[in-house]
Amino acid sequence: MSTTPTGNLSEDLACHYLRNHGYEILDRNYRIPGGEIDIIAQEKEYLVFVEVKTRYSHDYGLPVEAMTPWKIKYLLKAARFYLQKNKWGNGPYRLDFIGIDFADNSENPAVELIRNITC
């Protein structure tokens, strides 16, 4: 499966999951040179930047294993740009992660949410 349809499906599932857990979806696929944020949402007073990773097998590891310090660095760069452009000021923000894992069940994937990811 190509990455665009996979990414869109996974982000749709992630948005549905986030909405069911009290998040309001504000934006998707926010791009700057050198970075992209899959989902931008708000949960209570927090602006939340969400990275979504999908796996159809575990040949290359679990979805969460794709969250490297390098990836977090580039997510933070894009997040800071978004914060400045949208005049978020000193409001609280964080990075969250959603793993979508189809490896064990292609009809009903496992969804894992990790709040406030850090290195």
PDB file of N, CA and C in Angstrom:
ATOM      1  N   MET A   1       0.852  -1.174   0.000  1.00  0.00           N
ATOM      2  CA  MET A   1       0.000   0.000   0.000  1.00  0.00           C
ATOM      3  C   MET A   1       0.896   1.235   0.000  1.00  0.00           C
ATOM      4  N   SER A   2       0.560   2.237  -0.812  1.00  0.00           N
ATOM      5  CA  SER A   2       1.382   3.443  -0.830  1.00  0.00           C
ATOM      6  C   SER A   2       1.173   4.236   0.452  1.00  0.00           C
ATOM      7  N   THR A   3       2.112   5.126   0.748  1.00  0.00           N
ATOM      8  CA  THR A   3       2.081   5.814   2.031  1.00  0.00           C
ATOM      9  C   THR A   3       0.968   6.854   2.127  1.00  0.00           C
ATOM     10  N   THR A   4       0.560   7.475   1.023  1.00  0.00           N
ATOM     11  CA  THR A   4      -0.481   8.501   1.108  1.00  0.00           C
ATOM     12  C   THR A   4      -1.828   7.924   1.533  1.00  0.00           C
ATOM     13  N   PRO A   5      -2.352   6.892   0.868  1.00  0.00           N
ATOM     14  CA  PRO A   5      -3.620   6.325   1.357  1.00  0.00           C
ATOM     15  C   PRO A   5      -3.504   5.777   2.778  1.00  0.00           C
ATOM     16  N   THR A   6      -2.369   5.156   3.099  1.00  0.00           N
ATOM     17  CA  THR A   6      -2.166   4.636   4.448  1.00  0.00           C
ATOM     18  C   THR A   6      -2.186   5.775   5.450  1.00  0.00           C
ATOM     19  N   GLY A   7      -1.471   6.850   5.134  1.00  0.00           N
ATOM     20  CA  GLY A   7      -1.426   7.996   6.024  1.00  0.00           C
ATOM     21  C   GLY A   7      -2.786   8.630   6.220  1.00  0.00           C
ATOM     22  N   ASN A   8      -3.534   8.775   5.136  1.00  0.00           N
ATOM     23  CA  ASN A   8      -4.865   9.366   5.243  1.00  0.00           C
ATOM     24  C   ASN A   8      -5.794   8.505   6.085  1.00  0.00           C
ATOM     25  N   LEU A   9      -5.795   7.199   5.846  1.00  0.00           N
ATOM     26  CA  LEU A   9      -6.622   6.284   6.630  1.00  0.00           C
ATOM     27  C   LEU A   9      -6.226   6.344   8.101  1.00  0.00           C
ATOM     28  N   SER A  10      -4.938   6.287   8.369  1.00  0.00           N
ATOM     29  CA  SER A  10      -4.459   6.308   9.747  1.00  0.00           C
ATOM     30  C   SER A  10      -4.793   7.621  10.431  1.00  0.00           C
ATOM     31  N   GLU A  11      -4.627   8.732   9.727  1.00  0.00           N
ATOM     32  CA  GLU A  11      -4.954  10.030  10.317  1.00  0.00           C
ATOM     33  C   GLU A  11      -6.459  10.162  10.548  1.00  0.00           C
ATOM     34  N   ASP A  12      -7.272   9.608   9.650  1.00  0.00           N
ATOM     35  CA  ASP A  12      -8.723   9.606   9.878  1.00  0.00           C
ATOM     36  C   ASP A  12      -9.058   8.823  11.148  1.00  0.00           C
ATOM     37  N   LEU A  13      -8.448   7.647  11.296  1.00  0.00           N
ATOM     38  CA  LEU A  13      -8.675   6.843  12.508  1.00  0.00           C
ATOM     39  C   LEU A  13      -8.191   7.577  13.750  1.00  0.00           C
ATOM     40  N   ALA A  14      -7.030   8.217  13.644  1.00  0.00           N
ATOM     41  CA  ALA A  14      -6.476   8.960  14.778  1.00  0.00           C
ATOM     42  C   ALA A  14      -7.385  10.126  15.155  1.00  0.00           C
ATOM     43  N   CYS A  15      -7.900  10.857  14.174  1.00  0.00           N
ATOM     44  CA  CYS A  15      -8.800  11.972  14.465  1.00  0.00           C
ATOM     45  C   CYS A  15     -10.064  11.483  15.166  1.00  0.00           C
ATOM     46  N   HIS A  16     -10.614  10.385  14.679  1.00  0.00           N
ATOM     47  CA  HIS A  16     -11.803   9.801  15.313  1.00  0.00           C
ATOM     48  C   HIS A  16     -11.497   9.435  16.769  1.00  0.00           C
ATOM     49  N   TYR A  17     -10.367   8.785  16.985  1.00  0.00           N
ATOM     50  CA  TYR A  17      -9.954   8.397  18.337  1.00  0.00           C
ATOM     51  C   TYR A  17      -9.792   9.631  19.229  1.00  0.00           C
ATOM     52  N   LEU A  18      -9.112  10.652  18.718  1.00  0.00           N
ATOM     53  CA  LEU A  18      -8.880  11.863  19.507  1.00  0.00           C
ATOM     54  C   LEU A  18     -10.190  12.563  19.856  1.00  0.00           C
ATOM     55  N   ARG A  19     -11.087  12.678  18.886  1.00  0.00           N
ATOM     56  CA  ARG A  19     -12.393  13.299  19.160  1.00  0.00           C
ATOM     57  C   ARG A  19     -13.125  12.549  20.265  1.00  0.00           C
ATOM     58  N   ASN A  20     -13.061  11.217  20.221  1.00  0.00           N
ATOM     59  CA  ASN A  20     -13.722  10.404  21.245  1.00  0.00           C
ATOM     60  C   ASN A  20     -13.075  10.556  22.624  1.00  0.00           C
ATOM     61  N   HIS A  21     -11.868  11.123  22.653  1.00  0.00           N
ATOM     62  CA  HIS A  21     -11.165  11.339  23.926  1.00  0.00           C
ATOM     63  C   HIS A  21     -11.073  12.821  24.280  1.00  0.00           C
ATOM     64  N   GLY A  22     -11.980  13.622  23.717  1.00  0.00           N
ATOM     65  CA  GLY A  22     -12.111  15.007  24.129  1.00  0.00           C
ATOM     66  C   GLY A  22     -11.258  16.029  23.407  1.00  0.00           C
ATOM     67  N   TYR A  23     -10.575  15.643  22.353  1.00  0.00           N
ATOM     68  CA  TYR A  23      -9.759  16.577  21.575  1.00  0.00           C
ATOM     69  C   TYR A  23     -10.633  17.242  20.509  1.00  0.00           C
ATOM     70  N   GLU A  24     -10.322  18.489  20.200  1.00  0.00           N
ATOM     71  CA  GLU A  24     -10.920  19.172  19.060  1.00  0.00           C
ATOM     72  C   GLU A  24      -9.857  19.261  17.974  1.00  0.00           C
ATOM     73  N   ILE A  25     -10.153  18.764  16.792  1.00  0.00           N
ATOM     74  CA  ILE A  25      -9.194  18.775  15.688  1.00  0.00           C
ATOM     75  C   ILE A  25      -9.214  20.167  15.049  1.00  0.00           C
ATOM     76  N   LEU A  26      -8.034  20.792  14.967  1.00  0.00           N
ATOM     77  CA  LEU A  26      -7.912  22.132  14.412  1.00  0.00           C
ATOM     78  C   LEU A  26      -7.325  22.136  13.000  1.00  0.00           C
ATOM     79  N   ASP A  27      -6.396  21.231  12.729  1.00  0.00           N
ATOM     80  CA  ASP A  27      -5.707  21.243  11.436  1.00  0.00           C
ATOM     81  C   ASP A  27      -5.076  19.880  11.201  1.00  0.00           C
ATOM     82  N   ARG A  28      -4.816  19.579   9.930  1.00  0.00           N
ATOM     83  CA  ARG A  28      -4.131  18.331   9.563  1.00  0.00           C
ATOM     84  C   ARG A  28      -3.074  18.621   8.519  1.00  0.00           C
ATOM     85  N   ASN A  29      -2.012  17.831   8.568  1.00  0.00           N
ATOM     86  CA  ASN A  29      -0.931  17.890   7.580  1.00  0.00           C
ATOM     87  C   ASN A  29      -0.363  19.301   7.430  1.00  0.00           C
ATOM     88  N   TYR A  30       0.006  19.882   8.546  1.00  0.00           N
ATOM     89  CA  TYR A  30       0.602  21.215   8.555  1.00  0.00           C
ATOM     90  C   TYR A  30       2.071  21.073   8.171  1.00  0.00           C
ATOM     91  N   ARG A  31       2.455  21.727   7.061  1.00  0.00           N
ATOM     92  CA  ARG A  31       3.809  21.563   6.535  1.00  0.00           C
ATOM     93  C   ARG A  31       4.583  22.859   6.566  1.00  0.00           C
ATOM     94  N   ILE A  32       5.861  22.722   6.906  1.00  0.00           N
ATOM     95  CA  ILE A  32       6.842  23.786   6.739  1.00  0.00           C
ATOM     96  C   ILE A  32       8.059  23.132   6.098  1.00  0.00           C
ATOM     97  N   PRO A  33       8.972  23.904   5.518  1.00  0.00           N
ATOM     98  CA  PRO A  33      10.193  23.281   5.003  1.00  0.00           C
ATOM     99  C   PRO A  33      10.926  22.533   6.128  1.00  0.00           C
ATOM    100  N   GLY A  34      11.144  21.267   5.921  1.00  0.00           N
ATOM    101  CA  GLY A  34      11.865  20.469   6.909  1.00  0.00           C
ATOM    102  C   GLY A  34      10.998  19.854   7.988  1.00  0.00           C
ATOM    103  N   GLY A  35       9.676  19.923   7.849  1.00  0.00           N
ATOM    104  CA  GLY A  35       8.846  19.315   8.883  1.00  0.00           C
ATOM    105  C   GLY A  35       7.372  19.290   8.541  1.00  0.00           C
ATOM    106  N   GLU A  36       6.661  18.386   9.177  1.00  0.00           N
ATOM    107  CA  GLU A  36       5.216  18.275   9.013  1.00  0.00           C
ATOM    108  C   GLU A  36       4.622  17.788  10.318  1.00  0.00           C
ATOM    109  N   ILE A  37       3.444  18.308  10.625  1.00  0.00           N
ATOM    110  CA  ILE A  37       2.686  17.840  11.779  1.00  0.00           C
ATOM    111  C   ILE A  37       1.430  17.182  11.233  1.00  0.00           C
ATOM    112  N   ASP A  38       1.194  15.941  11.634  1.00  0.00           N
ATOM    113  CA  ASP A  38       0.050  15.203  11.101  1.00  0.00           C
ATOM    114  C   ASP A  38      -1.280  15.810  11.537  1.00  0.00           C
ATOM    115  N   ILE A  39      -1.417  16.074  12.844  1.00  0.00           N
ATOM    116  CA  ILE A  39      -2.679  16.593  13.381  1.00  0.00           C
ATOM    117  C   ILE A  39      -2.359  17.668  14.414  1.00  0.00           C
ATOM    118  N   ILE A  40      -3.106  18.749  14.352  1.00  0.00           N
ATOM    119  CA  ILE A  40      -3.038  19.778  15.388  1.00  0.00           C
ATOM    120  C   ILE A  40      -4.414  19.813  16.024  1.00  0.00           C
ATOM    121  N   ALA A  41      -4.441  19.685  17.343  1.00  0.00           N
ATOM    122  CA  ALA A  41      -5.705  19.593  18.067  1.00  0.00           C
ATOM    123  C   ALA A  41      -5.625  20.431  19.337  1.00  0.00           C
ATOM    124  N   GLN A  42      -6.760  20.528  19.991  1.00  0.00           N
ATOM    125  CA  GLN A  42      -6.787  21.178  21.293  1.00  0.00           C
ATOM    126  C   GLN A  42      -7.468  20.246  22.270  1.00  0.00           C
ATOM    127  N   GLU A  43      -6.839  20.073  23.420  1.00  0.00           N
ATOM    128  CA  GLU A  43      -7.423  19.308  24.519  1.00  0.00           C
ATOM    129  C   GLU A  43      -7.385  20.218  25.733  1.00  0.00           C
ATOM    130  N   LYS A  44      -8.547  20.640  26.152  1.00  0.00           N
ATOM    131  CA  LYS A  44      -8.668  21.617  27.240  1.00  0.00           C
ATOM    132  C   LYS A  44      -7.837  22.837  26.887  1.00  0.00           C
ATOM    133  N   GLU A  45      -6.927  23.248  27.751  1.00  0.00           N
ATOM    134  CA  GLU A  45      -6.138  24.452  27.477  1.00  0.00           C
ATOM    135  C   GLU A  45      -4.900  24.186  26.630  1.00  0.00           C
ATOM    136  N   TYR A  46      -4.617  22.933  26.312  1.00  0.00           N
ATOM    137  CA  TYR A  46      -3.405  22.566  25.571  1.00  0.00           C
ATOM    138  C   TYR A  46      -3.626  22.558  24.064  1.00  0.00           C
ATOM    139  N   LEU A  47      -2.679  23.156  23.363  1.00  0.00           N
ATOM    140  CA  LEU A  47      -2.561  22.962  21.930  1.00  0.00           C
ATOM    141  C   LEU A  47      -1.705  21.718  21.774  1.00  0.00           C
ATOM    142  N   VAL A  48      -2.175  20.747  20.984  1.00  0.00           N
ATOM    143  CA  VAL A  48      -1.517  19.445  20.915  1.00  0.00           C
ATOM    144  C   VAL A  48      -1.113  19.149  19.472  1.00  0.00           C
ATOM    145  N   PHE A  49       0.160  18.847  19.289  1.00  0.00           N
ATOM    146  CA  PHE A  49       0.706  18.458  17.999  1.00  0.00           C
ATOM    147  C   PHE A  49       0.841  16.945  18.020  1.00  0.00           C
ATOM    148  N   VAL A  50       0.178  16.278  17.093  1.00  0.00           N
ATOM    149  CA  VAL A  50       0.077  14.816  17.131  1.00  0.00           C
ATOM    150  C   VAL A  50       0.787  14.205  15.931  1.00  0.00           C
ATOM    151  N   GLU A  51       1.696  13.282  16.221  1.00  0.00           N
ATOM    152  CA  GLU A  51       2.356  12.478  15.192  1.00  0.00           C
ATOM    153  C   GLU A  51       1.656  11.130  15.124  1.00  0.00           C
ATOM    154  N   VAL A  52       1.352  10.671  13.909  1.00  0.00           N
ATOM    155  CA  VAL A  52       0.672   9.390  13.699  1.00  0.00           C
ATOM    156  C   VAL A  52       1.610   8.457  12.950  1.00  0.00           C
ATOM    157  N   LYS A  53       1.787   7.261  13.478  1.00  0.00           N
ATOM    158  CA  LYS A  53       2.593   6.232  12.808  1.00  0.00           C
ATOM    159  C   LYS A  53       1.761   4.958  12.700  1.00  0.00           C
ATOM    160  N   THR A  54       1.889   4.304  11.543  1.00  0.00           N
ATOM    161  CA  THR A  54       1.098   3.116  11.244  1.00  0.00           C
ATOM    162  C   THR A  54       2.013   1.950  10.901  1.00  0.00           C
ATOM    163  N   ARG A  55       1.597   0.767  11.306  1.00  0.00           N
ATOM    164  CA  ARG A  55       2.307  -0.457  10.930  1.00  0.00           C
ATOM    165  C   ARG A  55       1.288  -1.512  10.517  1.00  0.00           C
ATOM    166  N   TYR A  56       1.615  -2.190   9.396  1.00  0.00           N
ATOM    167  CA  TYR A  56       0.820  -3.335   8.950  1.00  0.00           C
ATOM    168  C   TYR A  56       1.516  -4.641   9.286  1.00  0.00           C
ATOM    169  N   SER A  57       2.768  -4.562   9.686  1.00  0.00           N
ATOM    170  CA  SER A  57       3.507  -5.716  10.195  1.00  0.00           C
ATOM    171  C   SER A  57       4.521  -5.160  11.185  1.00  0.00           C
ATOM    172  N   HIS A  58       5.133  -6.055  11.912  1.00  0.00           N
ATOM    173  CA  HIS A  58       6.154  -5.632  12.873  1.00  0.00           C
ATOM    174  C   HIS A  58       7.563  -5.894  12.345  1.00  0.00           C
ATOM    175  N   ASP A  59       7.683  -6.082  11.040  1.00  0.00           N
ATOM    176  CA  ASP A  59       8.995  -6.311  10.436  1.00  0.00           C
ATOM    177  C   ASP A  59       9.957  -5.163  10.712  1.00  0.00           C
ATOM    178  N   TYR A  60       9.422  -3.957  10.803  1.00  0.00           N
ATOM    179  CA  TYR A  60      10.261  -2.780  11.069  1.00  0.00           C
ATOM    180  C   TYR A  60       9.979  -2.197  12.458  1.00  0.00           C
ATOM    181  N   GLY A  61       9.419  -2.999  13.328  1.00  0.00           N
ATOM    182  CA  GLY A  61       9.158  -2.567  14.692  1.00  0.00           C
ATOM    183  C   GLY A  61       7.729  -2.093  14.899  1.00  0.00           C
ATOM    184  N   LEU A  62       7.462  -1.711  16.122  1.00  0.00           N
ATOM    185  CA  LEU A  62       6.151  -1.191  16.514  1.00  0.00           C
ATOM    186  C   LEU A  62       6.034   0.271  16.083  1.00  0.00           C
ATOM    187  N   PRO A  63       4.813   0.786  15.968  1.00  0.00           N
ATOM    188  CA  PRO A  63       4.669   2.194  15.583  1.00  0.00           C
ATOM    189  C   PRO A  63       5.442   3.150  16.494  1.00  0.00           C
ATOM    190  N   VAL A  64       5.404   2.924  17.783  1.00  0.00           N
ATOM    191  CA  VAL A  64       6.068   3.829  18.730  1.00  0.00           C
ATOM    192  C   VAL A  64       7.584   3.874  18.538  1.00  0.00           C
ATOM    193  N   GLU A  65       8.145   2.817  17.988  1.00  0.00           N
ATOM    194  CA  GLU A  65       9.596   2.784  17.778  1.00  0.00           C
ATOM    195  C   GLU A  65      10.046   3.745  16.674  1.00  0.00           C
ATOM    196  N   ALA A  66       9.103   4.280  15.920  1.00  0.00           N
ATOM    197  CA  ALA A  66       9.435   5.264  14.889  1.00  0.00           C
ATOM    198  C   ALA A  66       9.628   6.664  15.473  1.00  0.00           C
ATOM    199  N   MET A  67       9.295   6.852  16.739  1.00  0.00           N
ATOM    200  CA  MET A  67       9.441   8.168  17.378  1.00  0.00           C
ATOM    201  C   MET A  67      10.858   8.293  17.935  1.00  0.00           C
ATOM    202  N   THR A  68      11.741   8.707  17.080  1.00  0.00           N
ATOM    203  CA  THR A  68      13.145   8.873  17.440  1.00  0.00           C
ATOM    204  C   THR A  68      13.395  10.291  17.947  1.00  0.00           C
ATOM    205  N   PRO A  69      14.485  10.509  18.650  1.00  0.00           N
ATOM    206  CA  PRO A  69      14.825  11.882  19.045  1.00  0.00           C
ATOM    207  C   PRO A  69      14.917  12.824  17.849  1.00  0.00           C
ATOM    208  N   TRP A  70      15.428  12.331  16.721  1.00  0.00           N
ATOM    209  CA  TRP A  70      15.507  13.137  15.507  1.00  0.00           C
ATOM    210  C   TRP A  70      14.116  13.570  15.054  1.00  0.00           C
ATOM    211  N   LYS A  71      13.158  12.638  15.042  1.00  0.00           N
ATOM    212  CA  LYS A  71      11.781  12.938  14.625  1.00  0.00           C
ATOM    213  C   LYS A  71      11.157  13.951  15.573  1.00  0.00           C
ATOM    214  N   ILE A  72      11.362  13.794  16.863  1.00  0.00           N
ATOM    215  CA  ILE A  72      10.811  14.726  17.844  1.00  0.00           C
ATOM    216  C   ILE A  72      11.400  16.120  17.640  1.00  0.00           C
ATOM    217  N   LYS A  73      12.682  16.198  17.330  1.00  0.00           N
ATOM    218  CA  LYS A  73      13.330  17.483  17.071  1.00  0.00           C
ATOM    219  C   LYS A  73      12.638  18.227  15.933  1.00  0.00           C
ATOM    220  N   TYR A  74      12.348  17.529  14.842  1.00  0.00           N
ATOM    221  CA  TYR A  74      11.709  18.166  13.697  1.00  0.00           C
ATOM    222  C   TYR A  74      10.239  18.485  13.954  1.00  0.00           C
ATOM    223  N   LEU A  75       9.578  17.677  14.751  1.00  0.00           N
ATOM    224  CA  LEU A  75       8.207  17.993  15.149  1.00  0.00           C
ATOM    225  C   LEU A  75       8.173  19.265  15.987  1.00  0.00           C
ATOM    226  N   LEU A  76       9.111  19.388  16.905  1.00  0.00           N
ATOM    227  CA  LEU A  76       9.180  20.595  17.738  1.00  0.00           C
ATOM    228  C   LEU A  76       9.466  21.833  16.897  1.00  0.00           C
ATOM    229  N   LYS A  77      10.315  21.694  15.889  1.00  0.00           N
ATOM    230  CA  LYS A  77      10.605  22.818  14.998  1.00  0.00           C
ATOM    231  C   LYS A  77       9.329  23.282  14.303  1.00  0.00           C
ATOM    232  N   ALA A  78       8.574  22.351  13.749  1.00  0.00           N
ATOM    233  CA  ALA A  78       7.328  22.695  13.068  1.00  0.00           C
ATOM    234  C   ALA A  78       6.300  23.246  14.063  1.00  0.00           C
ATOM    235  N   ALA A  79       6.250  22.669  15.254  1.00  0.00           N
ATOM    236  CA  ALA A  79       5.312  23.144  16.279  1.00  0.00           C
ATOM    237  C   ALA A  79       5.620  24.579  16.687  1.00  0.00           C
ATOM    238  N   ARG A  80       6.883  24.887  16.896  1.00  0.00           N
ATOM    239  CA  ARG A  80       7.256  26.252  17.286  1.00  0.00           C
ATOM    240  C   ARG A  80       6.919  27.250  16.183  1.00  0.00           C
ATOM    241  N   PHE A  81       7.096  26.851  14.948  1.00  0.00           N
ATOM    242  CA  PHE A  81       6.732  27.715  13.826  1.00  0.00           C
ATOM    243  C   PHE A  81       5.223  27.973  13.848  1.00  0.00           C
ATOM    244  N   TYR A  82       4.440  26.922  14.056  1.00  0.00           N
ATOM    245  CA  TYR A  82       2.985  27.046  14.121  1.00  0.00           C
ATOM    246  C   TYR A  82       2.576  27.954  15.275  1.00  0.00           C
ATOM    247  N   LEU A  83       3.192  27.762  16.430  1.00  0.00           N
ATOM    248  CA  LEU A  83       2.874  28.579  17.605  1.00  0.00           C
ATOM    249  C   LEU A  83       3.105  30.058  17.323  1.00  0.00           C
ATOM    250  N   GLN A  84       4.225  30.365  16.697  1.00  0.00           N
ATOM    251  CA  GLN A  84       4.565  31.751  16.401  1.00  0.00           C
ATOM    252  C   GLN A  84       3.616  32.331  15.342  1.00  0.00           C
ATOM    253  N   LYS A  85       3.391  31.580  14.277  1.00  0.00           N
ATOM    254  CA  LYS A  85       2.537  32.058  13.189  1.00  0.00           C
ATOM    255  C   LYS A  85       1.106  32.295  13.662  1.00  0.00           C
ATOM    256  N   ASN A  86       0.631  31.470  14.573  1.00  0.00           N
ATOM    257  CA  ASN A  86      -0.752  31.550  15.037  1.00  0.00           C
ATOM    258  C   ASN A  86      -0.891  32.279  16.367  1.00  0.00           C
ATOM    259  N   LYS A  87       0.193  32.925  16.811  1.00  0.00           N
ATOM    260  CA  LYS A  87       0.180  33.769  18.006  1.00  0.00           C
ATOM    261  C   LYS A  87      -0.404  33.065  19.229  1.00  0.00           C
ATOM    262  N   TRP A  88       0.090  31.850  19.482  1.00  0.00           N
ATOM    263  CA  TRP A  88      -0.355  31.080  20.638  1.00  0.00           C
ATOM    264  C   TRP A  88       0.190  31.684  21.933  1.00  0.00           C
ATOM    265  N   GLY A  89       1.273  32.450  21.823  1.00  0.00           N
ATOM    266  CA  GLY A  89       1.845  33.115  23.003  1.00  0.00           C
ATOM    267  C   GLY A  89       2.462  32.116  23.965  1.00  0.00           C
ATOM    268  N   ASN A  90       2.160  32.295  25.233  1.00  0.00           N
ATOM    269  CA  ASN A  90       2.703  31.408  26.273  1.00  0.00           C
ATOM    270  C   ASN A  90       1.734  30.308  26.668  1.00  0.00           C
ATOM    271  N   GLY A  91       0.723  30.073  25.836  1.00  0.00           N
ATOM    272  CA  GLY A  91      -0.231  29.010  26.140  1.00  0.00           C
ATOM    273  C   GLY A  91       0.446  27.653  26.150  1.00  0.00           C
ATOM    274  N   PRO A  92      -0.063  26.727  26.948  1.00  0.00           N
ATOM    275  CA  PRO A  92       0.575  25.409  27.033  1.00  0.00           C
ATOM    276  C   PRO A  92       0.384  24.603  25.751  1.00  0.00           C
ATOM    277  N   TYR A  93       1.402  23.839  25.423  1.00  0.00           N
ATOM    278  CA  TYR A  93       1.329  22.948  24.271  1.00  0.00           C
ATOM    279  C   TYR A  93       2.146  21.696  24.573  1.00  0.00           C
ATOM    280  N   ARG A  94       1.913  20.673  23.768  1.00  0.00           N
ATOM    281  CA  ARG A  94       2.663  19.425  23.944  1.00  0.00           C
ATOM    282  C   ARG A  94       2.618  18.623  22.654  1.00  0.00           C
ATOM    283  N   LEU A  95       3.476  17.616  22.605  1.00  0.00           N
ATOM    284  CA  LEU A  95       3.492  16.663  21.500  1.00  0.00           C
ATOM    285  C   LEU A  95       2.873  15.357  21.991  1.00  0.00           C
ATOM    286  N   ASP A  96       1.939  14.833  21.228  1.00  0.00           N
ATOM    287  CA  ASP A  96       1.356  13.524  21.506  1.00  0.00           C
ATOM    288  C   ASP A  96       1.664  12.599  20.337  1.00  0.00           C
ATOM    289  N   PHE A  97       1.528  11.324  20.583  1.00  0.00           N
ATOM    290  CA  PHE A  97       1.799  10.302  19.573  1.00  0.00           C
ATOM    291  C   PHE A  97       0.623   9.341  19.514  1.00  0.00           C
ATOM    292  N   ILE A  98       0.241   8.967  18.300  1.00  0.00           N
ATOM    293  CA  ILE A  98      -0.750   7.902  18.121  1.00  0.00           C
ATOM    294  C   ILE A  98      -0.152   6.847  17.212  1.00  0.00           C
ATOM    295  N   GLY A  99      -0.130   5.616  17.699  1.00  0.00           N
ATOM    296  CA  GLY A  99       0.284   4.469  16.901  1.00  0.00           C
ATOM    297  C   GLY A  99      -0.949   3.708  16.453  1.00  0.00           C
ATOM    298  N   ILE A 100      -1.002   3.407  15.158  1.00  0.00           N
ATOM    299  CA  ILE A 100      -2.083   2.604  14.587  1.00  0.00           C
ATOM    300  C   ILE A 100      -1.437   1.306  14.120  1.00  0.00           C
ATOM    301  N   ASP A 101      -1.849   0.198  14.725  1.00  0.00           N
ATOM    302  CA  ASP A 101      -1.192  -1.084  14.475  1.00  0.00           C
ATOM    303  C   ASP A 101      -2.193  -2.090  13.894  1.00  0.00           C
ATOM    304  N   PHE A 102      -2.040  -2.355  12.591  1.00  0.00           N
ATOM    305  CA  PHE A 102      -2.889  -3.310  11.872  1.00  0.00           C
ATOM    306  C   PHE A 102      -2.280  -4.719  11.855  1.00  0.00           C
ATOM    307  N   ALA A 103      -1.117  -4.911  12.454  1.00  0.00           N
ATOM    308  CA  ALA A 103      -0.379  -6.163  12.311  1.00  0.00           C
ATOM    309  C   ALA A 103      -1.167  -7.386  12.790  1.00  0.00           C
ATOM    310  N   ASP A 104      -1.860  -7.273  13.890  1.00  0.00           N
ATOM    311  CA  ASP A 104      -2.571  -8.429  14.442  1.00  0.00           C
ATOM    312  C   ASP A 104      -4.020  -8.534  13.990  1.00  0.00           C
ATOM    313  N   ASN A 105      -4.583  -7.395  13.530  1.00  0.00           N
ATOM    314  CA  ASN A 105      -5.982  -7.404  13.122  1.00  0.00           C
ATOM    315  C   ASN A 105      -6.200  -6.304  12.093  1.00  0.00           C
ATOM    316  N   SER A 106      -6.301  -6.683  10.840  1.00  0.00           N
ATOM    317  CA  SER A 106      -6.417  -5.690   9.767  1.00  0.00           C
ATOM    318  C   SER A 106      -7.781  -5.003   9.749  1.00  0.00           C
ATOM    319  N   GLU A 107      -8.777  -5.585  10.399  1.00  0.00           N
ATOM    320  CA  GLU A 107     -10.117  -4.993  10.437  1.00  0.00           C
ATOM    321  C   GLU A 107     -10.304  -4.057  11.637  1.00  0.00           C
ATOM    322  N   ASN A 108      -9.599  -4.312  12.708  1.00  0.00           N
ATOM    323  CA  ASN A 108      -9.763  -3.544  13.936  1.00  0.00           C
ATOM    324  C   ASN A 108      -8.382  -3.257  14.525  1.00  0.00           C
ATOM    325  N   PRO A 109      -7.707  -2.209  14.042  1.00  0.00           N
ATOM    326  CA  PRO A 109      -6.333  -1.961  14.482  1.00  0.00           C
ATOM    327  C   PRO A 109      -6.257  -1.545  15.949  1.00  0.00           C
ATOM    328  N   ALA A 110      -5.125  -1.848  16.554  1.00  0.00           N
ATOM    329  CA  ALA A 110      -4.849  -1.364  17.897  1.00  0.00           C
ATOM    330  C   ALA A 110      -4.426   0.098  17.790  1.00  0.00           C
ATOM    331  N   VAL A 111      -4.945   0.916  18.673  1.00  0.00           N
ATOM    332  CA  VAL A 111      -4.625   2.337  18.702  1.00  0.00           C
ATOM    333  C   VAL A 111      -3.988   2.650  20.046  1.00  0.00           C
ATOM    334  N   GLU A 112      -2.827   3.283  19.992  1.00  0.00           N
ATOM    335  CA  GLU A 112      -2.102   3.643  21.217  1.00  0.00           C
ATOM    336  C   GLU A 112      -1.879   5.142  21.219  1.00  0.00           C
ATOM    337  N   LEU A 113      -2.294   5.800  22.293  1.00  0.00           N
ATOM    338  CA  LEU A 113      -2.071   7.233  22.465  1.00  0.00           C
ATOM    339  C   LEU A 113      -1.042   7.429  23.564  1.00  0.00           C
ATOM    340  N   ILE A 114      -0.006   8.191  23.255  1.00  0.00           N
ATOM    341  CA  ILE A 114       0.982   8.572  24.264  1.00  0.00           C
ATOM    342  C   ILE A 114       0.986  10.090  24.326  1.00  0.00           C
ATOM    343  N   ARG A 115       0.647  10.601  25.493  1.00  0.00           N
ATOM    344  CA  ARG A 115       0.601  12.051  25.687  1.00  0.00           C
ATOM    345  C   ARG A 115       1.976  12.570  26.085  1.00  0.00           C
ATOM    346  N   ASN A 116       2.286  13.753  25.606  1.00  0.00           N
ATOM    347  CA  ASN A 116       3.491  14.478  26.012  1.00  0.00           C
ATOM    348  C   ASN A 116       4.770  13.673  25.777  1.00  0.00           C
ATOM    349  N   ILE A 117       5.015  13.314  24.529  1.00  0.00           N
ATOM    350  CA  ILE A 117       6.215  12.549  24.193  1.00  0.00           C
ATOM    351  C   ILE A 117       7.442  13.425  24.334  1.00  0.00           C
ATOM    352  N   THR A 118       8.501  12.825  24.775  1.00  0.00           N
ATOM    353  CA  THR A 118       9.786  13.517  24.900  1.00  0.00           C
ATOM    354  C   THR A 118      10.877  12.517  24.557  1.00  0.00           C
ATOM    355  N   CYS A 119      12.079  13.039  24.420  1.00  0.00           N
ATOM    356  CA  CYS A 119      13.220  12.159  24.103  1.00  0.00           C
ATOM    357  C   CYS A 119      13.551  11.274  25.281  1.00  0.00           C
TER     358      CYS A 119
END
